[in-house]
Amino acid sequence: MSKELVRIVLSIPAVTTVVILWGFLAASAGSPETEVRQAVERFYRALNTNFSGDASPMLDVWSHAEDVIEMSPYGGMQVGWSAARTHWEQLASAKSGNQVQIEDSHVVASNQFGVHVGYEKLTLHRGGQSVIVKIRVTNVFRRENGKWKIFAHHTDLFPWVEEQQGSRRPPVQGHME
């Protein structure tokens, strides 16, 4: 057997392995679960930017439909894009400097919907002190015009909000049927 033929034969498994790996990576890079994980990352980058006073990235990651629901740790429920937008703009105007990290993320996704659950670990600035709070979160995304948009965000209440509200039901902002 010629040296050239031996080289070609020996290179076939390597090429096959590379092709298989390339196909796997290409398929997983575009999988709904991977795309939703990327949407989760965009949401939390936008949330941290929102805390610094710039609402525009947050407004971009949200669906602008009237069925969006936002239930933040500050209490209340915002239904519809107008109410959710107002909520995020008000939080941005506070320029709190708070920071959030996501922990223990779990994502399930189909071609149209994705659900993310995990814990938000927040560093909050209250009364001149930094306070760390860990709360549960559920985010729901849907594909709109080829892009993943968040349309439902629900967290536990901050402990002090829950104490203040007691058994009272928080107000609903926006449209509810």
C-alpha atoms as a PDB file:
ATOM      1  CA  MET A   1       0.000   0.000   0.000  1.00  0.00           C
ATOM      2  CA  SER A   2       1.348   3.425  -0.897  1.00  0.00           C
ATOM      3  CA  LYS A   3       2.109   5.983   1.798  1.00  0.00           C
ATOM      4  CA  GLU A   4      -0.482   8.297   0.266  1.00  0.00           C
ATOM      5  CA  LEU A   5      -3.233   5.678   0.482  1.00  0.00           C
ATOM      6  CA  VAL A   6      -2.291   4.856   4.091  1.00  0.00           C
ATOM      7  CA  ARG A   7      -2.463   8.563   4.957  1.00  0.00           C
ATOM      8  CA  ILE A   8      -5.914   8.871   3.349  1.00  0.00           C
ATOM      9  CA  VAL A   9      -7.280   5.755   5.057  1.00  0.00           C
ATOM     10  CA  LEU A  10      -5.940   6.844   8.439  1.00  0.00           C
ATOM     11  CA  SER A  11      -7.417  10.311   8.020  1.00  0.00           C
ATOM     12  CA  ILE A  12     -10.961   9.072   7.351  1.00  0.00           C
ATOM     13  CA  PRO A  13     -11.881   8.394  10.995  1.00  0.00           C
ATOM     14  CA  ALA A  14     -10.568  11.812  12.013  1.00  0.00           C
ATOM     15  CA  VAL A  15     -12.536  13.533   9.273  1.00  0.00           C
ATOM     16  CA  THR A  16     -15.641  11.517  10.131  1.00  0.00           C
ATOM     17  CA  THR A  17     -15.264  12.435  13.798  1.00  0.00           C
ATOM     18  CA  VAL A  18     -14.873  16.112  12.926  1.00  0.00           C
ATOM     19  CA  VAL A  19     -17.938  16.024  10.661  1.00  0.00           C
ATOM     20  CA  ILE A  20     -20.028  14.277  13.335  1.00  0.00           C
ATOM     21  CA  LEU A  21     -18.891  16.719  16.035  1.00  0.00           C
ATOM     22  CA  TRP A  22     -19.498  19.694  13.746  1.00  0.00           C
ATOM     23  CA  GLY A  23     -23.020  18.449  13.020  1.00  0.00           C
ATOM     24  CA  PHE A  24     -23.715  17.908  16.715  1.00  0.00           C
ATOM     25  CA  LEU A  25     -22.427  21.342  17.668  1.00  0.00           C
ATOM     26  CA  ALA A  26     -24.328  23.036  14.851  1.00  0.00           C
ATOM     27  CA  ALA A  27     -27.532  21.234  15.836  1.00  0.00           C
ATOM     28  CA  SER A  28     -27.181  21.997  19.539  1.00  0.00           C
ATOM     29  CA  ALA A  29     -26.226  25.638  18.898  1.00  0.00           C
ATOM     30  CA  GLY A  30     -29.582  26.199  17.226  1.00  0.00           C
ATOM     31  CA  SER A  31     -31.711  23.993  19.460  1.00  0.00           C
ATOM     32  CA  PRO A  32     -34.701  25.618  21.156  1.00  0.00           C
ATOM     33  CA  GLU A  33     -33.214  24.878  24.593  1.00  0.00           C
ATOM     34  CA  THR A  34     -29.920  26.569  23.693  1.00  0.00           C
ATOM     35  CA  GLU A  35     -31.724  29.531  22.176  1.00  0.00           C
ATOM     36  CA  VAL A  36     -33.915  29.940  25.267  1.00  0.00           C
ATOM     37  CA  ARG A  37     -30.811  29.781  27.493  1.00  0.00           C
ATOM     38  CA  GLN A  38     -29.369  32.614  25.393  1.00  0.00           C
ATOM     39  CA  ALA A  39     -32.632  34.551  25.802  1.00  0.00           C
ATOM     40  CA  VAL A  40     -32.374  34.040  29.589  1.00  0.00           C
ATOM     41  CA  GLU A  41     -28.836  35.468  29.509  1.00  0.00           C
ATOM     42  CA  ARG A  42     -30.054  38.484  27.510  1.00  0.00           C
ATOM     43  CA  PHE A  43     -32.891  39.036  29.992  1.00  0.00           C
ATOM     44  CA  TYR A  44     -30.543  39.091  32.988  1.00  0.00           C
ATOM     45  CA  ARG A  45     -28.013  41.356  31.236  1.00  0.00           C
ATOM     46  CA  ALA A  46     -30.945  43.673  30.483  1.00  0.00           C
ATOM     47  CA  LEU A  47     -32.145  43.486  34.087  1.00  0.00           C
ATOM     48  CA  ASN A  48     -28.739  44.521  35.427  1.00  0.00           C
ATOM     49  CA  THR A  49     -28.606  47.347  32.881  1.00  0.00           C
ATOM     50  CA  ASN A  50     -32.105  48.355  33.946  1.00  0.00           C
ATOM     51  CA  PHE A  51     -30.914  48.618  37.563  1.00  0.00           C
ATOM     52  CA  SER A  52     -28.227  51.053  36.391  1.00  0.00           C
ATOM     53  CA  GLY A  53     -30.830  53.355  34.822  1.00  0.00           C
ATOM     54  CA  ASP A  54     -31.096  52.223  31.183  1.00  0.00           C
ATOM     55  CA  ALA A  55     -34.422  50.541  30.399  1.00  0.00           C
ATOM     56  CA  SER A  56     -33.861  50.152  26.641  1.00  0.00           C
ATOM     57  CA  PRO A  57     -32.335  46.619  26.687  1.00  0.00           C
ATOM     58  CA  MET A  58     -35.140  45.439  28.975  1.00  0.00           C
ATOM     59  CA  LEU A  59     -37.764  46.900  26.670  1.00  0.00           C
ATOM     60  CA  ASP A  60     -36.112  45.064  23.775  1.00  0.00           C
ATOM     61  CA  VAL A  61     -36.134  41.568  25.339  1.00  0.00           C
ATOM     62  CA  TRP A  62     -39.845  41.671  26.210  1.00  0.00           C
ATOM     63  CA  SER A  63     -42.750  40.768  23.979  1.00  0.00           C
ATOM     64  CA  HIS A  64     -44.833  43.859  23.237  1.00  0.00           C
ATOM     65  CA  ALA A  65     -48.079  41.885  23.188  1.00  0.00           C
ATOM     66  CA  GLU A  66     -51.012  42.609  25.453  1.00  0.00           C
ATOM     67  CA  ASP A  67     -50.849  39.167  27.108  1.00  0.00           C
ATOM     68  CA  VAL A  68     -47.504  39.722  28.873  1.00  0.00           C
ATOM     69  CA  ILE A  69     -47.470  39.287  32.641  1.00  0.00           C
ATOM     70  CA  GLU A  70     -44.867  40.676  34.994  1.00  0.00           C
ATOM     71  CA  MET A  71     -44.876  39.817  38.709  1.00  0.00           C
ATOM     72  CA  SER A  72     -41.679  41.129  40.258  1.00  0.00           C
ATOM     73  CA  PRO A  73     -40.384  40.821  43.819  1.00  0.00           C
ATOM     74  CA  TYR A  74     -41.617  44.382  44.440  1.00  0.00           C
ATOM     75  CA  GLY A  75     -45.209  43.127  44.378  1.00  0.00           C
ATOM     76  CA  GLY A  76     -48.186  43.696  42.168  1.00  0.00           C
ATOM     77  CA  MET A  77     -48.947  42.265  38.773  1.00  0.00           C
ATOM     78  CA  GLN A  78     -48.496  44.065  35.476  1.00  0.00           C
ATOM     79  CA  VAL A  79     -50.666  42.696  32.672  1.00  0.00           C
ATOM     80  CA  GLY A  80     -50.132  43.849  29.104  1.00  0.00           C
ATOM     81  CA  TRP A  81     -47.166  45.474  27.447  1.00  0.00           C
ATOM     82  CA  SER A  82     -48.060  49.011  28.474  1.00  0.00           C
ATOM     83  CA  ALA A  83     -48.144  48.140  32.190  1.00  0.00           C
ATOM     84  CA  ALA A  84     -44.965  46.024  31.987  1.00  0.00           C
ATOM     85  CA  ARG A  85     -43.113  48.766  30.090  1.00  0.00           C
ATOM     86  CA  THR A  86     -44.130  51.360  32.681  1.00  0.00           C
ATOM     87  CA  HIS A  87     -42.919  49.055  35.472  1.00  0.00           C
ATOM     88  CA  TRP A  88     -39.471  48.582  33.902  1.00  0.00           C
ATOM     89  CA  GLU A  89     -39.112  52.267  33.100  1.00  0.00           C
ATOM     90  CA  GLN A  90     -39.940  53.182  36.715  1.00  0.00           C
ATOM     91  CA  LEU A  91     -37.404  50.682  38.045  1.00  0.00           C
ATOM     92  CA  ALA A  92     -34.753  52.071  35.684  1.00  0.00           C
ATOM     93  CA  SER A  93     -35.441  55.635  36.788  1.00  0.00           C
ATOM     94  CA  ALA A  94     -34.581  54.638  40.380  1.00  0.00           C
ATOM     95  CA  LYS A  95     -30.985  53.851  39.289  1.00  0.00           C
ATOM     96  CA  SER A  96     -30.701  51.517  42.278  1.00  0.00           C
ATOM     97  CA  GLY A  97     -27.411  49.936  41.258  1.00  0.00           C
ATOM     98  CA  ASN A  98     -28.791  46.555  42.321  1.00  0.00           C
ATOM     99  CA  GLN A  99     -27.261  43.469  40.715  1.00  0.00           C
ATOM    100  CA  VAL A 100     -28.736  40.064  39.969  1.00  0.00           C
ATOM    101  CA  GLN A 101     -27.182  36.716  39.164  1.00  0.00           C
ATOM    102  CA  ILE A 102     -29.101  33.641  38.132  1.00  0.00           C
ATOM    103  CA  GLU A 103     -28.393  30.346  39.895  1.00  0.00           C
ATOM    104  CA  ASP A 104     -29.577  26.761  39.466  1.00  0.00           C
ATOM    105  CA  SER A 105     -31.115  27.380  36.035  1.00  0.00           C
ATOM    106  CA  HIS A 106     -33.294  24.802  34.378  1.00  0.00           C
ATOM    107  CA  VAL A 107     -34.736  25.246  30.887  1.00  0.00           C
ATOM    108  CA  VAL A 108     -37.243  23.253  28.862  1.00  0.00           C
ATOM    109  CA  ALA A 109     -38.194  24.355  25.372  1.00  0.00           C
ATOM    110  CA  SER A 110     -40.127  23.482  22.265  1.00  0.00           C
ATOM    111  CA  ASN A 111     -39.957  25.247  18.909  1.00  0.00           C
ATOM    112  CA  GLN A 112     -42.377  27.969  20.091  1.00  0.00           C
ATOM    113  CA  PHE A 113     -42.169  28.175  23.898  1.00  0.00           C
ATOM    114  CA  GLY A 114     -39.500  27.952  26.557  1.00  0.00           C
ATOM    115  CA  VAL A 115     -39.673  27.922  30.345  1.00  0.00           C
ATOM    116  CA  HIS A 116     -36.833  28.873  32.650  1.00  0.00           C
ATOM    117  CA  VAL A 117     -36.862  28.289  36.402  1.00  0.00           C
ATOM    118  CA  GLY A 118     -34.124  29.063  38.862  1.00  0.00           C
ATOM    119  CA  TYR A 119     -33.066  31.388  41.635  1.00  0.00           C
ATOM    120  CA  GLU A 120     -32.275  35.069  41.379  1.00  0.00           C
ATOM    121  CA  LYS A 121     -29.490  36.094  43.750  1.00  0.00           C
ATOM    122  CA  LEU A 122     -29.838  39.835  44.147  1.00  0.00           C
ATOM    123  CA  THR A 123     -27.482  42.302  45.744  1.00  0.00           C
ATOM    124  CA  LEU A 124     -29.759  45.146  46.794  1.00  0.00           C
ATOM    125  CA  HIS A 125     -28.944  48.549  48.219  1.00  0.00           C
ATOM    126  CA  ARG A 126     -31.373  49.336  51.056  1.00  0.00           C
ATOM    127  CA  GLY A 127     -30.924  51.938  53.732  1.00  0.00           C
ATOM    128  CA  GLY A 128     -27.232  52.459  52.977  1.00  0.00           C
ATOM    129  CA  GLN A 129     -26.461  48.748  53.216  1.00  0.00           C
ATOM    130  CA  SER A 130     -25.998  45.946  50.722  1.00  0.00           C
ATOM    131  CA  VAL A 131     -28.421  43.089  51.269  1.00  0.00           C
ATOM    132  CA  ILE A 132     -28.275  39.737  49.479  1.00  0.00           C
ATOM    133  CA  VAL A 133     -31.604  38.067  48.752  1.00  0.00           C
ATOM    134  CA  LYS A 134     -32.233  34.798  46.939  1.00  0.00           C
ATOM    135  CA  ILE A 135     -35.685  34.306  45.409  1.00  0.00           C
ATOM    136  CA  ARG A 136     -37.299  31.792  43.062  1.00  0.00           C
ATOM    137  CA  VAL A 137     -38.080  32.812  39.500  1.00  0.00           C
ATOM    138  CA  THR A 138     -40.030  31.502  36.527  1.00  0.00           C
ATOM    139  CA  ASN A 139     -39.608  33.088  33.093  1.00  0.00           C
ATOM    140  CA  VAL A 140     -41.631  32.083  30.037  1.00  0.00           C
ATOM    141  CA  PHE A 141     -40.451  32.864  26.507  1.00  0.00           C
ATOM    142  CA  ARG A 142     -42.025  32.491  23.089  1.00  0.00           C
ATOM    143  CA  ARG A 143     -40.672  32.808  19.598  1.00  0.00           C
ATOM    144  CA  GLU A 144     -41.953  35.966  17.898  1.00  0.00           C
ATOM    145  CA  ASN A 145     -40.833  36.706  14.340  1.00  0.00           C
ATOM    146  CA  GLY A 146     -37.866  34.360  14.796  1.00  0.00           C
ATOM    147  CA  LYS A 147     -36.708  35.907  18.113  1.00  0.00           C
ATOM    148  CA  TRP A 148     -37.206  34.609  21.637  1.00  0.00           C
ATOM    149  CA  LYS A 149     -39.096  37.177  23.733  1.00  0.00           C
ATOM    150  CA  ILE A 150     -40.005  36.962  27.386  1.00  0.00           C
ATOM    151  CA  PHE A 151     -43.742  37.271  27.992  1.00  0.00           C
ATOM    152  CA  ALA A 152     -44.095  36.115  31.612  1.00  0.00           C
ATOM    153  CA  HIS A 153     -41.826  36.807  34.580  1.00  0.00           C
ATOM    154  CA  HIS A 154     -42.791  35.704  38.078  1.00  0.00           C
ATOM    155  CA  THR A 155     -40.708  35.809  41.262  1.00  0.00           C
ATOM    156  CA  ASP A 156     -41.155  35.420  44.973  1.00  0.00           C
ATOM    157  CA  LEU A 157     -41.774  38.687  46.776  1.00  0.00           C
ATOM    158  CA  PHE A 158     -38.928  40.330  48.662  1.00  0.00           C
ATOM    159  CA  PRO A 159     -39.351  39.343  52.328  1.00  0.00           C
ATOM    160  CA  TRP A 160     -40.071  42.932  53.445  1.00  0.00           C
ATOM    161  CA  VAL A 161     -42.701  43.360  50.719  1.00  0.00           C
ATOM    162  CA  GLU A 162     -44.415  40.165  51.821  1.00  0.00           C
ATOM    163  CA  GLU A 163     -44.389  41.386  55.449  1.00  0.00           C
ATOM    164  CA  GLN A 164     -45.896  44.736  54.415  1.00  0.00           C
ATOM    165  CA  GLN A 165     -48.600  43.179  52.241  1.00  0.00           C
ATOM    166  CA  GLY A 166     -49.573  40.432  54.641  1.00  0.00           C
ATOM    167  CA  SER A 167     -52.672  38.722  53.306  1.00  0.00           C
ATOM    168  CA  ARG A 168     -53.703  41.720  51.173  1.00  0.00           C
ATOM    169  CA  ARG A 169     -53.791  41.027  47.468  1.00  0.00           C
ATOM    170  CA  PRO A 170     -51.407  43.324  45.560  1.00  0.00           C
ATOM    171  CA  PRO A 171     -52.837  45.565  42.835  1.00  0.00           C
ATOM    172  CA  VAL A 172     -53.133  44.519  39.209  1.00  0.00           C
ATOM    173  CA  GLN A 173     -51.896  47.078  36.682  1.00  0.00           C
ATOM    174  CA  GLY A 174     -53.048  46.913  33.072  1.00  0.00           C
ATOM    175  CA  HIS A 175     -55.729  44.903  31.360  1.00  0.00           C
ATOM    176  CA  MET A 176     -57.165  41.657  32.741  1.00  0.00           C
ATOM    177  CA  GLU A 177     -60.132  39.757  31.397  1.00  0.00           C
END
